[in-house]
Amino acid sequence: MTDITLTTFDWVPDMPRGYVRDLRVRWALEEAGLSYKVDSVSFSDRNEEHFSRQPFGQVPWLTDGEIKIFETGAILLHLAERSEKLMPFEPSSRSEVIQWIFAALNSVEMASLPWSLYQFSDDTTDTPGRKHIDNFLNTRLKHMESVLADREWLVDSFSVADILMADVLRLVHRFDGLIELPNCRDYVARATTRTAFTKAYNDQMAHFAAGG
């Protein structure tokens, strides 16, 4: 019997399916070979208990024995501490992975998230603010294109940092934001053809299709 429980919504609309962030945790668990079960909370009725586990009414959160943890980045870092398949134990390589975890969340996703919200809303209004968001993301993506020009993964081997970075870039790719960035596209393709990603993605899609 597993002590790890991943909690996500029981259902979400079609648009975000395959991109809800419990996917990142599922992917990490599959890569590490850690047994886990999935629990659900209501998407439409986020009650007091939900907010006691996740103060912003979001998902996912993880229970690992006596440990309860929310925020996807924090969950992934916790899991990476348990498995060398996700993060090397050697201090120098471990530091490299950690810096790229934060780069994915704070440098790239910070730029891609407001851009993707416009895409999800089909808002094509040409405003100075929108141009600023476009330029901000394009600048960050060009830096990543250079980074990925001469490496397969962000550090020497696949790690939890690649789970985060690839998933951030995958959403940009969904809306054709990587058309002129072949290194980024190839990186996303390498990551998302991994067996663990395929399993995690299919499991999430089946979970939401079944209503949790």
N, C-alpha and C. Protein backbone atom coordinates (compact mmCIF):
# COMPACT_ATOMS: atom_id res chain seq x y z
N MET A 1 0.85 -1.20 0.00
CA MET A 1 0.00 0.00 0.00
C MET A 1 0.89 1.25 0.00
N THR A 2 0.55 2.21 -0.86
CA THR A 2 1.37 3.41 -0.97
C THR A 2 1.00 4.44 0.07
N ASP A 3 2.00 5.23 0.47
CA ASP A 3 1.76 6.34 1.39
C ASP A 3 1.62 7.66 0.65
N ILE A 4 1.76 7.64 -0.68
CA ILE A 4 1.71 8.87 -1.47
C ILE A 4 0.34 9.01 -2.12
N THR A 5 -0.31 10.14 -1.85
CA THR A 5 -1.59 10.44 -2.49
C THR A 5 -1.50 11.80 -3.16
N LEU A 6 -1.82 11.82 -4.43
CA LEU A 6 -1.90 13.05 -5.22
C LEU A 6 -3.36 13.46 -5.32
N THR A 7 -3.65 14.69 -4.96
CA THR A 7 -5.03 15.18 -5.01
C THR A 7 -5.16 16.21 -6.12
N THR A 8 -6.17 16.00 -6.97
CA THR A 8 -6.47 16.91 -8.06
C THR A 8 -7.98 17.11 -8.14
N PHE A 9 -8.43 17.86 -9.14
CA PHE A 9 -9.86 18.06 -9.30
C PHE A 9 -10.54 16.79 -9.80
N ASP A 10 -11.85 16.69 -9.54
CA ASP A 10 -12.62 15.56 -10.05
C ASP A 10 -12.94 15.71 -11.53
N TRP A 11 -12.90 16.96 -12.00
CA TRP A 11 -13.28 17.26 -13.39
C TRP A 11 -12.81 18.66 -13.71
N VAL A 12 -12.45 18.89 -14.96
CA VAL A 12 -12.19 20.25 -15.46
C VAL A 12 -12.76 20.35 -16.86
N PRO A 13 -13.03 21.55 -17.37
CA PRO A 13 -13.51 21.69 -18.75
C PRO A 13 -12.48 21.15 -19.74
N ASP A 14 -12.93 20.94 -20.97
CA ASP A 14 -12.07 20.34 -21.99
C ASP A 14 -10.79 21.14 -22.24
N MET A 15 -10.89 22.46 -22.27
CA MET A 15 -9.76 23.29 -22.66
C MET A 15 -8.48 23.03 -21.86
N PRO A 16 -8.54 22.99 -20.52
CA PRO A 16 -7.29 22.80 -19.78
C PRO A 16 -6.87 21.34 -19.59
N ARG A 17 -7.67 20.39 -20.04
CA ARG A 17 -7.30 18.99 -19.83
C ARG A 17 -5.97 18.68 -20.54
N GLY A 18 -5.13 17.97 -19.85
CA GLY A 18 -3.80 17.69 -20.36
C GLY A 18 -2.78 18.73 -19.95
N TYR A 19 -3.24 19.81 -19.29
CA TYR A 19 -2.35 20.89 -18.87
C TYR A 19 -2.51 21.24 -17.39
N VAL A 20 -3.48 20.66 -16.71
CA VAL A 20 -3.62 20.89 -15.27
C VAL A 20 -2.35 20.39 -14.59
N ARG A 21 -1.89 21.10 -13.57
CA ARG A 21 -0.53 20.88 -13.09
C ARG A 21 -0.32 19.60 -12.29
N ASP A 22 -1.40 18.89 -11.97
CA ASP A 22 -1.15 17.57 -11.39
C ASP A 22 -0.40 16.68 -12.38
N LEU A 23 -0.47 17.02 -13.68
CA LEU A 23 0.27 16.26 -14.68
C LEU A 23 1.77 16.25 -14.37
N ARG A 24 2.31 17.39 -13.95
CA ARG A 24 3.73 17.47 -13.65
C ARG A 24 4.10 16.52 -12.51
N VAL A 25 3.21 16.44 -11.52
CA VAL A 25 3.48 15.56 -10.39
C VAL A 25 3.33 14.10 -10.80
N ARG A 26 2.29 13.78 -11.58
CA ARG A 26 2.14 12.42 -12.09
C ARG A 26 3.40 12.01 -12.87
N TRP A 27 3.87 12.91 -13.72
CA TRP A 27 5.04 12.64 -14.55
C TRP A 27 6.25 12.33 -13.68
N ALA A 28 6.48 13.14 -12.67
CA ALA A 28 7.62 12.92 -11.77
C ALA A 28 7.50 11.59 -11.04
N LEU A 29 6.33 11.28 -10.56
CA LEU A 29 6.11 10.02 -9.86
C LEU A 29 6.36 8.82 -10.76
N GLU A 30 5.93 8.94 -12.03
CA GLU A 30 6.16 7.86 -12.99
C GLU A 30 7.65 7.72 -13.31
N GLU A 31 8.34 8.85 -13.50
CA GLU A 31 9.78 8.80 -13.78
C GLU A 31 10.54 8.14 -12.63
N ALA A 32 10.14 8.47 -11.40
CA ALA A 32 10.84 7.96 -10.23
C ALA A 32 10.42 6.53 -9.88
N GLY A 33 9.34 6.05 -10.47
CA GLY A 33 8.85 4.72 -10.14
C GLY A 33 8.26 4.63 -8.75
N LEU A 34 7.71 5.73 -8.26
CA LEU A 34 7.10 5.76 -6.93
C LEU A 34 5.61 5.42 -7.02
N SER A 35 5.17 4.50 -6.21
CA SER A 35 3.76 4.13 -6.20
C SER A 35 2.93 5.25 -5.57
N TYR A 36 1.75 5.48 -6.11
CA TYR A 36 0.89 6.53 -5.59
C TYR A 36 -0.56 6.26 -5.97
N LYS A 37 -1.44 6.92 -5.28
CA LYS A 37 -2.85 6.88 -5.65
C LYS A 37 -3.32 8.30 -5.88
N VAL A 38 -4.45 8.44 -6.56
CA VAL A 38 -4.99 9.75 -6.90
C VAL A 38 -6.33 9.94 -6.21
N ASP A 39 -6.48 11.08 -5.57
CA ASP A 39 -7.74 11.44 -4.92
C ASP A 39 -8.29 12.69 -5.61
N SER A 40 -9.57 12.96 -5.39
CA SER A 40 -10.23 14.08 -6.07
C SER A 40 -10.90 15.01 -5.09
N VAL A 41 -10.94 16.28 -5.49
CA VAL A 41 -11.78 17.28 -4.81
C VAL A 41 -12.67 17.92 -5.87
N SER A 42 -13.74 18.49 -5.44
CA SER A 42 -14.71 19.06 -6.37
C SER A 42 -14.16 20.29 -7.07
N PHE A 43 -14.32 20.33 -8.39
CA PHE A 43 -13.95 21.51 -9.16
C PHE A 43 -14.94 22.64 -8.92
N SER A 44 -16.20 22.31 -8.77
CA SER A 44 -17.25 23.33 -8.71
C SER A 44 -17.57 23.79 -7.28
N ASP A 45 -17.20 23.00 -6.29
CA ASP A 45 -17.53 23.34 -4.90
C ASP A 45 -16.26 23.23 -4.05
N ARG A 46 -15.50 24.31 -4.02
CA ARG A 46 -14.22 24.31 -3.29
C ARG A 46 -14.50 24.75 -1.85
N ASN A 47 -14.60 23.77 -1.00
CA ASN A 47 -15.08 24.02 0.35
C ASN A 47 -13.95 24.38 1.31
N GLU A 48 -14.30 24.53 2.57
CA GLU A 48 -13.34 24.96 3.58
C GLU A 48 -12.19 23.97 3.73
N GLU A 49 -12.48 22.70 3.63
CA GLU A 49 -11.42 21.69 3.74
C GLU A 49 -10.41 21.83 2.60
N HIS A 50 -10.93 22.09 1.39
CA HIS A 50 -10.05 22.31 0.25
C HIS A 50 -9.09 23.47 0.53
N PHE A 51 -9.62 24.59 0.97
CA PHE A 51 -8.78 25.76 1.23
C PHE A 51 -7.82 25.53 2.40
N SER A 52 -8.14 24.61 3.28
CA SER A 52 -7.22 24.30 4.36
C SER A 52 -6.01 23.51 3.85
N ARG A 53 -6.19 22.82 2.73
CA ARG A 53 -5.09 22.06 2.12
C ARG A 53 -4.34 22.90 1.10
N GLN A 54 -5.07 23.76 0.38
CA GLN A 54 -4.47 24.59 -0.68
C GLN A 54 -5.11 25.97 -0.54
N PRO A 55 -4.42 26.93 0.04
CA PRO A 55 -5.05 28.19 0.44
C PRO A 55 -5.58 29.03 -0.70
N PHE A 56 -5.25 28.68 -1.95
CA PHE A 56 -5.76 29.44 -3.09
C PHE A 56 -6.84 28.68 -3.85
N GLY A 57 -7.25 27.55 -3.29
CA GLY A 57 -8.31 26.77 -3.92
C GLY A 57 -7.88 26.08 -5.19
N GLN A 58 -6.58 25.84 -5.35
CA GLN A 58 -6.05 25.22 -6.56
C GLN A 58 -5.72 23.75 -6.30
N VAL A 59 -5.21 23.09 -7.32
CA VAL A 59 -4.63 21.76 -7.22
C VAL A 59 -3.30 21.80 -7.97
N PRO A 60 -2.43 20.85 -7.71
CA PRO A 60 -2.59 19.68 -6.83
C PRO A 60 -2.01 19.94 -5.45
N TRP A 61 -2.21 18.94 -4.58
CA TRP A 61 -1.39 18.83 -3.38
C TRP A 61 -1.05 17.37 -3.19
N LEU A 62 -0.05 17.12 -2.37
CA LEU A 62 0.48 15.78 -2.18
C LEU A 62 0.52 15.44 -0.70
N THR A 63 0.14 14.20 -0.39
CA THR A 63 0.32 13.65 0.95
C THR A 63 1.32 12.51 0.83
N ASP A 64 2.40 12.62 1.59
CA ASP A 64 3.44 11.60 1.58
C ASP A 64 3.69 11.18 3.02
N GLY A 65 2.95 10.15 3.46
CA GLY A 65 3.01 9.78 4.87
C GLY A 65 2.45 10.90 5.73
N GLU A 66 3.29 11.43 6.62
CA GLU A 66 2.86 12.51 7.49
C GLU A 66 3.04 13.89 6.85
N ILE A 67 3.68 13.92 5.69
CA ILE A 67 3.97 15.19 5.03
C ILE A 67 2.82 15.58 4.12
N LYS A 68 2.38 16.82 4.22
CA LYS A 68 1.35 17.37 3.33
C LYS A 68 1.94 18.62 2.69
N ILE A 69 1.90 18.68 1.37
CA ILE A 69 2.59 19.76 0.67
C ILE A 69 1.80 20.20 -0.55
N PHE A 70 1.71 21.53 -0.76
CA PHE A 70 1.05 22.07 -1.94
C PHE A 70 2.06 22.90 -2.72
N GLU A 71 1.63 23.40 -3.87
CA GLU A 71 2.45 24.10 -4.87
C GLU A 71 3.29 23.09 -5.66
N THR A 72 3.06 23.07 -6.96
CA THR A 72 3.67 22.05 -7.81
C THR A 72 5.19 22.05 -7.72
N GLY A 73 5.81 23.23 -7.75
CA GLY A 73 7.26 23.27 -7.67
C GLY A 73 7.77 22.68 -6.37
N ALA A 74 7.11 22.99 -5.27
CA ALA A 74 7.51 22.45 -3.97
C ALA A 74 7.31 20.93 -3.93
N ILE A 75 6.22 20.46 -4.50
CA ILE A 75 5.97 19.02 -4.55
C ILE A 75 7.06 18.32 -5.36
N LEU A 76 7.40 18.88 -6.50
CA LEU A 76 8.42 18.25 -7.34
C LEU A 76 9.78 18.24 -6.67
N LEU A 77 10.10 19.31 -5.98
CA LEU A 77 11.38 19.34 -5.26
C LEU A 77 11.38 18.29 -4.15
N HIS A 78 10.25 18.14 -3.47
CA HIS A 78 10.13 17.10 -2.44
C HIS A 78 10.35 15.71 -3.04
N LEU A 79 9.71 15.43 -4.16
CA LEU A 79 9.88 14.12 -4.80
C LEU A 79 11.29 13.91 -5.30
N ALA A 80 11.90 14.98 -5.80
CA ALA A 80 13.27 14.88 -6.32
C ALA A 80 14.25 14.51 -5.21
N GLU A 81 13.95 14.92 -3.99
CA GLU A 81 14.80 14.55 -2.85
C GLU A 81 14.73 13.06 -2.57
N ARG A 82 13.71 12.40 -3.09
CA ARG A 82 13.53 10.98 -2.83
C ARG A 82 14.12 10.09 -3.91
N SER A 83 14.44 10.64 -5.06
CA SER A 83 14.86 9.79 -6.17
C SER A 83 15.96 10.44 -7.00
N GLU A 84 17.04 9.71 -7.20
CA GLU A 84 18.13 10.20 -8.04
C GLU A 84 17.74 10.22 -9.51
N LYS A 85 16.64 9.57 -9.86
CA LYS A 85 16.13 9.65 -11.23
C LYS A 85 15.60 11.05 -11.54
N LEU A 86 15.26 11.79 -10.49
CA LEU A 86 14.72 13.14 -10.66
C LEU A 86 15.75 14.22 -10.38
N MET A 87 16.71 13.94 -9.50
CA MET A 87 17.73 14.92 -9.16
C MET A 87 18.95 14.20 -8.59
N PRO A 88 20.14 14.47 -9.13
CA PRO A 88 21.34 13.81 -8.60
C PRO A 88 21.55 14.16 -7.14
N PHE A 89 22.14 13.22 -6.41
CA PHE A 89 22.46 13.48 -5.01
C PHE A 89 23.79 14.22 -4.87
N GLU A 90 24.62 14.16 -5.89
CA GLU A 90 25.92 14.85 -5.87
C GLU A 90 25.66 16.36 -5.80
N PRO A 91 26.29 17.08 -4.86
CA PRO A 91 25.91 18.47 -4.58
C PRO A 91 25.99 19.42 -5.76
N SER A 92 27.03 19.35 -6.58
CA SER A 92 27.16 20.29 -7.69
C SER A 92 26.06 20.08 -8.72
N SER A 93 25.83 18.83 -9.10
CA SER A 93 24.76 18.54 -10.07
C SER A 93 23.39 18.85 -9.49
N ARG A 94 23.23 18.58 -8.22
CA ARG A 94 21.96 18.89 -7.55
C ARG A 94 21.68 20.38 -7.61
N SER A 95 22.69 21.20 -7.39
CA SER A 95 22.51 22.64 -7.46
C SER A 95 22.12 23.10 -8.85
N GLU A 96 22.68 22.46 -9.87
CA GLU A 96 22.32 22.80 -11.24
C GLU A 96 20.85 22.53 -11.50
N VAL A 97 20.37 21.39 -11.04
CA VAL A 97 18.96 21.05 -11.23
C VAL A 97 18.07 22.06 -10.51
N ILE A 98 18.42 22.39 -9.27
CA ILE A 98 17.60 23.31 -8.49
C ILE A 98 17.53 24.68 -9.17
N GLN A 99 18.65 25.16 -9.71
CA GLN A 99 18.60 26.48 -10.35
C GLN A 99 17.68 26.46 -11.57
N TRP A 100 17.64 25.34 -12.29
CA TRP A 100 16.77 25.26 -13.46
C TRP A 100 15.30 25.05 -13.08
N ILE A 101 15.07 24.44 -11.92
CA ILE A 101 13.69 24.37 -11.41
C ILE A 101 13.14 25.78 -11.24
N PHE A 102 13.92 26.62 -10.59
CA PHE A 102 13.47 27.99 -10.34
C PHE A 102 13.46 28.82 -11.61
N ALA A 103 14.36 28.53 -12.53
CA ALA A 103 14.34 29.24 -13.81
C ALA A 103 13.07 28.94 -14.59
N ALA A 104 12.66 27.67 -14.58
CA ALA A 104 11.42 27.30 -15.28
C ALA A 104 10.23 28.02 -14.70
N LEU A 105 10.17 28.10 -13.38
CA LEU A 105 9.01 28.70 -12.72
C LEU A 105 9.06 30.22 -12.71
N ASN A 106 10.23 30.78 -12.43
CA ASN A 106 10.31 32.22 -12.18
C ASN A 106 10.75 33.05 -13.38
N SER A 107 11.45 32.45 -14.33
CA SER A 107 11.91 33.21 -15.49
C SER A 107 11.09 32.91 -16.74
N VAL A 108 10.77 31.64 -16.97
CA VAL A 108 10.06 31.29 -18.21
C VAL A 108 8.55 31.25 -18.00
N GLU A 109 8.08 30.54 -16.99
CA GLU A 109 6.63 30.48 -16.79
C GLU A 109 6.05 31.83 -16.38
N MET A 110 6.83 32.64 -15.69
CA MET A 110 6.35 33.97 -15.34
C MET A 110 6.03 34.78 -16.60
N ALA A 111 6.78 34.52 -17.68
CA ALA A 111 6.52 35.20 -18.94
C ALA A 111 5.44 34.51 -19.76
N SER A 112 5.40 33.18 -19.69
CA SER A 112 4.46 32.44 -20.55
C SER A 112 3.04 32.42 -20.02
N LEU A 113 2.87 32.51 -18.70
CA LEU A 113 1.52 32.38 -18.15
C LEU A 113 0.59 33.51 -18.56
N PRO A 114 0.96 34.79 -18.42
CA PRO A 114 0.03 35.83 -18.89
C PRO A 114 -0.24 35.75 -20.38
N TRP A 115 0.77 35.37 -21.16
CA TRP A 115 0.60 35.19 -22.60
C TRP A 115 -0.41 34.08 -22.89
N SER A 116 -0.29 32.97 -22.18
CA SER A 116 -1.19 31.83 -22.43
C SER A 116 -2.62 32.14 -22.00
N LEU A 117 -2.79 32.98 -20.99
CA LEU A 117 -4.15 33.36 -20.59
C LEU A 117 -4.86 34.11 -21.71
N TYR A 118 -4.12 34.97 -22.40
CA TYR A 118 -4.69 35.63 -23.58
C TYR A 118 -5.09 34.59 -24.63
N GLN A 119 -4.24 33.60 -24.84
CA GLN A 119 -4.52 32.58 -25.85
C GLN A 119 -5.76 31.77 -25.49
N PHE A 120 -5.88 31.39 -24.25
CA PHE A 120 -7.05 30.62 -23.81
C PHE A 120 -8.33 31.43 -23.98
N SER A 121 -8.25 32.73 -23.82
CA SER A 121 -9.45 33.57 -23.89
C SER A 121 -9.81 34.00 -25.31
N ASP A 122 -8.93 33.66 -26.28
CA ASP A 122 -9.12 34.09 -27.68
C ASP A 122 -9.14 35.62 -27.82
N ASP A 123 -8.50 36.30 -26.90
CA ASP A 123 -8.42 37.76 -26.94
C ASP A 123 -7.31 38.16 -27.90
N THR A 124 -7.66 38.76 -29.01
CA THR A 124 -6.67 39.18 -30.01
C THR A 124 -6.49 40.70 -30.05
N THR A 125 -6.99 41.38 -29.02
CA THR A 125 -6.88 42.83 -28.97
C THR A 125 -5.42 43.28 -29.00
N ASP A 126 -5.10 44.18 -29.89
CA ASP A 126 -3.73 44.68 -30.04
C ASP A 126 -3.57 45.92 -29.18
N THR A 127 -2.99 45.76 -28.01
CA THR A 127 -2.81 46.86 -27.07
C THR A 127 -1.33 46.95 -26.69
N PRO A 128 -0.89 48.09 -26.16
CA PRO A 128 0.50 48.18 -25.68
C PRO A 128 0.84 47.13 -24.63
N GLY A 129 -0.11 46.86 -23.74
CA GLY A 129 0.12 45.85 -22.72
C GLY A 129 0.31 44.47 -23.31
N ARG A 130 -0.51 44.15 -24.31
CA ARG A 130 -0.40 42.86 -24.98
C ARG A 130 0.94 42.74 -25.71
N LYS A 131 1.37 43.80 -26.37
CA LYS A 131 2.67 43.78 -27.05
C LYS A 131 3.80 43.58 -26.07
N HIS A 132 3.68 44.19 -24.90
CA HIS A 132 4.71 44.03 -23.88
C HIS A 132 4.80 42.57 -23.43
N ILE A 133 3.65 41.94 -23.23
CA ILE A 133 3.62 40.53 -22.83
C ILE A 133 4.23 39.65 -23.91
N ASP A 134 3.89 39.92 -25.18
CA ASP A 134 4.46 39.16 -26.30
C ASP A 134 5.97 39.29 -26.34
N ASN A 135 6.45 40.52 -26.20
CA ASN A 135 7.89 40.76 -26.28
C ASN A 135 8.63 40.14 -25.09
N PHE A 136 8.01 40.21 -23.93
CA PHE A 136 8.61 39.62 -22.72
C PHE A 136 8.80 38.11 -22.92
N LEU A 137 7.75 37.43 -23.39
CA LEU A 137 7.85 35.99 -23.61
C LEU A 137 8.87 35.68 -24.70
N ASN A 138 8.83 36.41 -25.81
CA ASN A 138 9.74 36.12 -26.92
C ASN A 138 11.20 36.27 -26.50
N THR A 139 11.48 37.23 -25.65
CA THR A 139 12.85 37.41 -25.16
C THR A 139 13.30 36.20 -24.35
N ARG A 140 12.44 35.74 -23.46
CA ARG A 140 12.78 34.58 -22.64
C ARG A 140 12.93 33.32 -23.51
N LEU A 141 12.07 33.17 -24.50
CA LEU A 141 12.15 31.99 -25.37
C LEU A 141 13.42 31.99 -26.20
N LYS A 142 13.85 33.15 -26.65
CA LYS A 142 15.09 33.23 -27.42
C LYS A 142 16.29 32.81 -26.57
N HIS A 143 16.26 33.19 -25.30
CA HIS A 143 17.32 32.73 -24.39
C HIS A 143 17.30 31.20 -24.26
N MET A 144 16.11 30.63 -24.13
CA MET A 144 16.01 29.17 -24.02
C MET A 144 16.43 28.50 -25.31
N GLU A 145 16.14 29.11 -26.44
CA GLU A 145 16.57 28.55 -27.73
C GLU A 145 18.09 28.44 -27.77
N SER A 146 18.79 29.43 -27.24
CA SER A 146 20.25 29.38 -27.19
C SER A 146 20.73 28.32 -26.21
N VAL A 147 20.09 28.24 -25.06
CA VAL A 147 20.48 27.26 -24.05
C VAL A 147 20.37 25.84 -24.61
N LEU A 148 19.30 25.58 -25.34
CA LEU A 148 19.02 24.23 -25.82
C LEU A 148 19.71 23.90 -27.15
N ALA A 149 20.52 24.80 -27.63
CA ALA A 149 21.19 24.58 -28.92
C ALA A 149 22.21 23.45 -28.87
N ASP A 150 22.81 23.24 -27.71
CA ASP A 150 23.90 22.26 -27.64
C ASP A 150 23.75 21.29 -26.48
N ARG A 151 22.52 21.06 -26.04
CA ARG A 151 22.32 20.08 -24.96
C ARG A 151 21.01 19.35 -25.15
N GLU A 152 20.99 18.11 -24.70
CA GLU A 152 19.77 17.30 -24.77
C GLU A 152 18.81 17.67 -23.65
N TRP A 153 19.37 17.79 -22.43
CA TRP A 153 18.58 18.15 -21.25
C TRP A 153 19.24 19.32 -20.56
N LEU A 154 18.59 19.90 -19.58
CA LEU A 154 19.10 21.10 -18.95
C LEU A 154 20.40 20.86 -18.19
N VAL A 155 20.52 19.67 -17.60
CA VAL A 155 21.78 19.26 -16.98
C VAL A 155 22.24 17.99 -17.70
N ASP A 156 23.15 17.25 -17.13
CA ASP A 156 23.75 16.13 -17.85
C ASP A 156 22.75 15.05 -18.23
N SER A 157 21.75 14.82 -17.40
CA SER A 157 20.74 13.81 -17.70
C SER A 157 19.37 14.37 -17.35
N PHE A 158 18.34 13.69 -17.83
CA PHE A 158 16.97 14.13 -17.58
C PHE A 158 16.73 14.27 -16.08
N SER A 159 16.01 15.34 -15.70
CA SER A 159 15.76 15.60 -14.28
C SER A 159 14.40 16.25 -14.10
N VAL A 160 14.07 16.49 -12.85
CA VAL A 160 12.81 17.16 -12.53
C VAL A 160 12.75 18.56 -13.15
N ALA A 161 13.91 19.18 -13.35
CA ALA A 161 13.93 20.50 -14.00
C ALA A 161 13.38 20.41 -15.42
N ASP A 162 13.64 19.30 -16.10
CA ASP A 162 13.13 19.13 -17.46
C ASP A 162 11.62 18.91 -17.46
N ILE A 163 11.11 18.26 -16.43
CA ILE A 163 9.66 18.12 -16.31
C ILE A 163 9.01 19.50 -16.28
N LEU A 164 9.54 20.37 -15.47
CA LEU A 164 8.97 21.71 -15.36
C LEU A 164 9.17 22.52 -16.63
N MET A 165 10.40 22.58 -17.13
CA MET A 165 10.66 23.42 -18.29
C MET A 165 9.91 22.92 -19.52
N ALA A 166 9.92 21.62 -19.74
CA ALA A 166 9.23 21.07 -20.90
C ALA A 166 7.73 21.32 -20.83
N ASP A 167 7.17 21.23 -19.63
CA ASP A 167 5.73 21.45 -19.51
C ASP A 167 5.38 22.91 -19.70
N VAL A 168 6.23 23.81 -19.23
CA VAL A 168 6.03 25.23 -19.49
C VAL A 168 6.06 25.51 -20.99
N LEU A 169 7.06 24.99 -21.67
CA LEU A 169 7.20 25.22 -23.11
C LEU A 169 6.11 24.50 -23.91
N ARG A 170 5.64 23.39 -23.39
CA ARG A 170 4.59 22.62 -24.07
C ARG A 170 3.32 23.44 -24.23
N LEU A 171 2.98 24.22 -23.21
CA LEU A 171 1.79 25.06 -23.31
C LEU A 171 1.99 26.17 -24.34
N VAL A 172 3.18 26.73 -24.40
CA VAL A 172 3.47 27.74 -25.43
C VAL A 172 3.35 27.10 -26.81
N HIS A 173 3.86 25.89 -26.93
CA HIS A 173 3.82 25.17 -28.21
C HIS A 173 2.37 24.89 -28.64
N ARG A 174 1.50 24.66 -27.68
CA ARG A 174 0.09 24.40 -28.00
C ARG A 174 -0.51 25.54 -28.81
N PHE A 175 -0.06 26.77 -28.52
CA PHE A 175 -0.58 27.95 -29.21
C PHE A 175 0.41 28.48 -30.26
N ASP A 176 1.24 27.57 -30.78
CA ASP A 176 2.17 27.88 -31.88
C ASP A 176 3.22 28.93 -31.52
N GLY A 177 3.55 29.01 -30.24
CA GLY A 177 4.52 30.00 -29.81
C GLY A 177 5.97 29.60 -30.03
N LEU A 178 6.20 28.37 -30.50
CA LEU A 178 7.57 27.89 -30.72
C LEU A 178 7.88 27.69 -32.20
N ILE A 179 7.07 28.24 -33.07
CA ILE A 179 7.22 28.00 -34.51
C ILE A 179 8.61 28.35 -35.00
N GLU A 180 9.17 29.43 -34.53
CA GLU A 180 10.48 29.87 -35.00
C GLU A 180 11.61 29.45 -34.06
N LEU A 181 11.34 28.48 -33.20
CA LEU A 181 12.32 28.06 -32.20
C LEU A 181 12.50 26.53 -32.26
N PRO A 182 13.25 26.04 -33.23
CA PRO A 182 13.36 24.59 -33.42
C PRO A 182 14.01 23.86 -32.26
N ASN A 183 14.95 24.48 -31.57
CA ASN A 183 15.58 23.79 -30.44
C ASN A 183 14.59 23.58 -29.30
N CYS A 184 13.76 24.58 -29.06
CA CYS A 184 12.72 24.44 -28.04
C CYS A 184 11.70 23.38 -28.45
N ARG A 185 11.31 23.38 -29.70
CA ARG A 185 10.35 22.37 -30.18
C ARG A 185 10.91 20.96 -30.03
N ASP A 186 12.15 20.77 -30.42
CA ASP A 186 12.77 19.45 -30.32
C ASP A 186 12.88 19.00 -28.86
N TYR A 187 13.19 19.94 -28.00
CA TYR A 187 13.29 19.64 -26.57
C TYR A 187 11.94 19.16 -26.02
N VAL A 188 10.88 19.87 -26.36
CA VAL A 188 9.54 19.46 -25.93
C VAL A 188 9.20 18.08 -26.48
N ALA A 189 9.55 17.83 -27.73
CA ALA A 189 9.27 16.53 -28.34
C ALA A 189 10.03 15.41 -27.62
N ARG A 190 11.30 15.63 -27.29
CA ARG A 190 12.08 14.63 -26.58
C ARG A 190 11.44 14.30 -25.23
N ALA A 191 11.02 15.34 -24.53
CA ALA A 191 10.46 15.15 -23.19
C ALA A 191 9.11 14.45 -23.24
N THR A 192 8.28 14.84 -24.18
CA THR A 192 6.90 14.34 -24.18
C THR A 192 6.74 13.00 -24.90
N THR A 193 7.81 12.48 -25.43
CA THR A 193 7.76 11.11 -25.96
C THR A 193 8.30 10.10 -24.95
N ARG A 194 8.69 10.56 -23.78
CA ARG A 194 9.13 9.66 -22.73
C ARG A 194 7.92 8.85 -22.22
N THR A 195 8.18 7.60 -21.88
CA THR A 195 7.11 6.71 -21.43
C THR A 195 6.38 7.27 -20.22
N ALA A 196 7.12 7.87 -19.30
CA ALA A 196 6.50 8.39 -18.08
C ALA A 196 5.55 9.54 -18.38
N PHE A 197 5.91 10.41 -19.34
CA PHE A 197 5.00 11.49 -19.69
C PHE A 197 3.72 10.93 -20.32
N THR A 198 3.88 10.00 -21.25
CA THR A 198 2.71 9.42 -21.92
C THR A 198 1.75 8.81 -20.92
N LYS A 199 2.30 8.07 -19.95
CA LYS A 199 1.46 7.45 -18.92
C LYS A 199 0.76 8.53 -18.10
N ALA A 200 1.50 9.54 -17.67
CA ALA A 200 0.92 10.60 -16.85
C ALA A 200 -0.17 11.35 -17.60
N TYR A 201 0.09 11.67 -18.86
CA TYR A 201 -0.88 12.41 -19.68
C TYR A 201 -2.16 11.59 -19.87
N ASN A 202 -2.00 10.34 -20.26
CA ASN A 202 -3.18 9.50 -20.50
C ASN A 202 -3.99 9.29 -19.22
N ASP A 203 -3.29 9.14 -18.10
CA ASP A 203 -3.99 8.96 -16.83
C ASP A 203 -4.78 10.22 -16.45
N GLN A 204 -4.18 11.39 -16.67
CA GLN A 204 -4.91 12.61 -16.35
C GLN A 204 -6.15 12.76 -17.24
N MET A 205 -5.98 12.53 -18.52
CA MET A 205 -7.11 12.66 -19.44
C MET A 205 -8.23 11.69 -19.08
N ALA A 206 -7.88 10.46 -18.71
CA ALA A 206 -8.88 9.47 -18.33
C ALA A 206 -9.57 9.85 -17.03
N HIS A 207 -8.80 10.42 -16.10
CA HIS A 207 -9.36 10.84 -14.81
C HIS A 207 -10.43 11.90 -15.01
N PHE A 208 -10.14 12.92 -15.79
CA PHE A 208 -11.11 14.00 -15.99
C PHE A 208 -12.29 13.54 -16.85
N ALA A 209 -12.03 12.66 -17.80
CA ALA A 209 -13.12 12.14 -18.64
C ALA A 209 -14.12 11.34 -17.81
N ALA A 210 -13.60 10.67 -16.78
CA ALA A 210 -14.46 9.87 -15.92
C ALA A 210 -15.10 10.69 -14.81
N GLY A 211 -14.75 11.95 -14.75
CA GLY A 211 -15.28 12.81 -13.69
C GLY A 211 -14.69 12.52 -12.34
N GLY A 212 -13.38 12.07 -12.35
CA GLY A 212 -12.69 11.82 -11.09
C GLY A 212 -12.99 10.47 -10.52
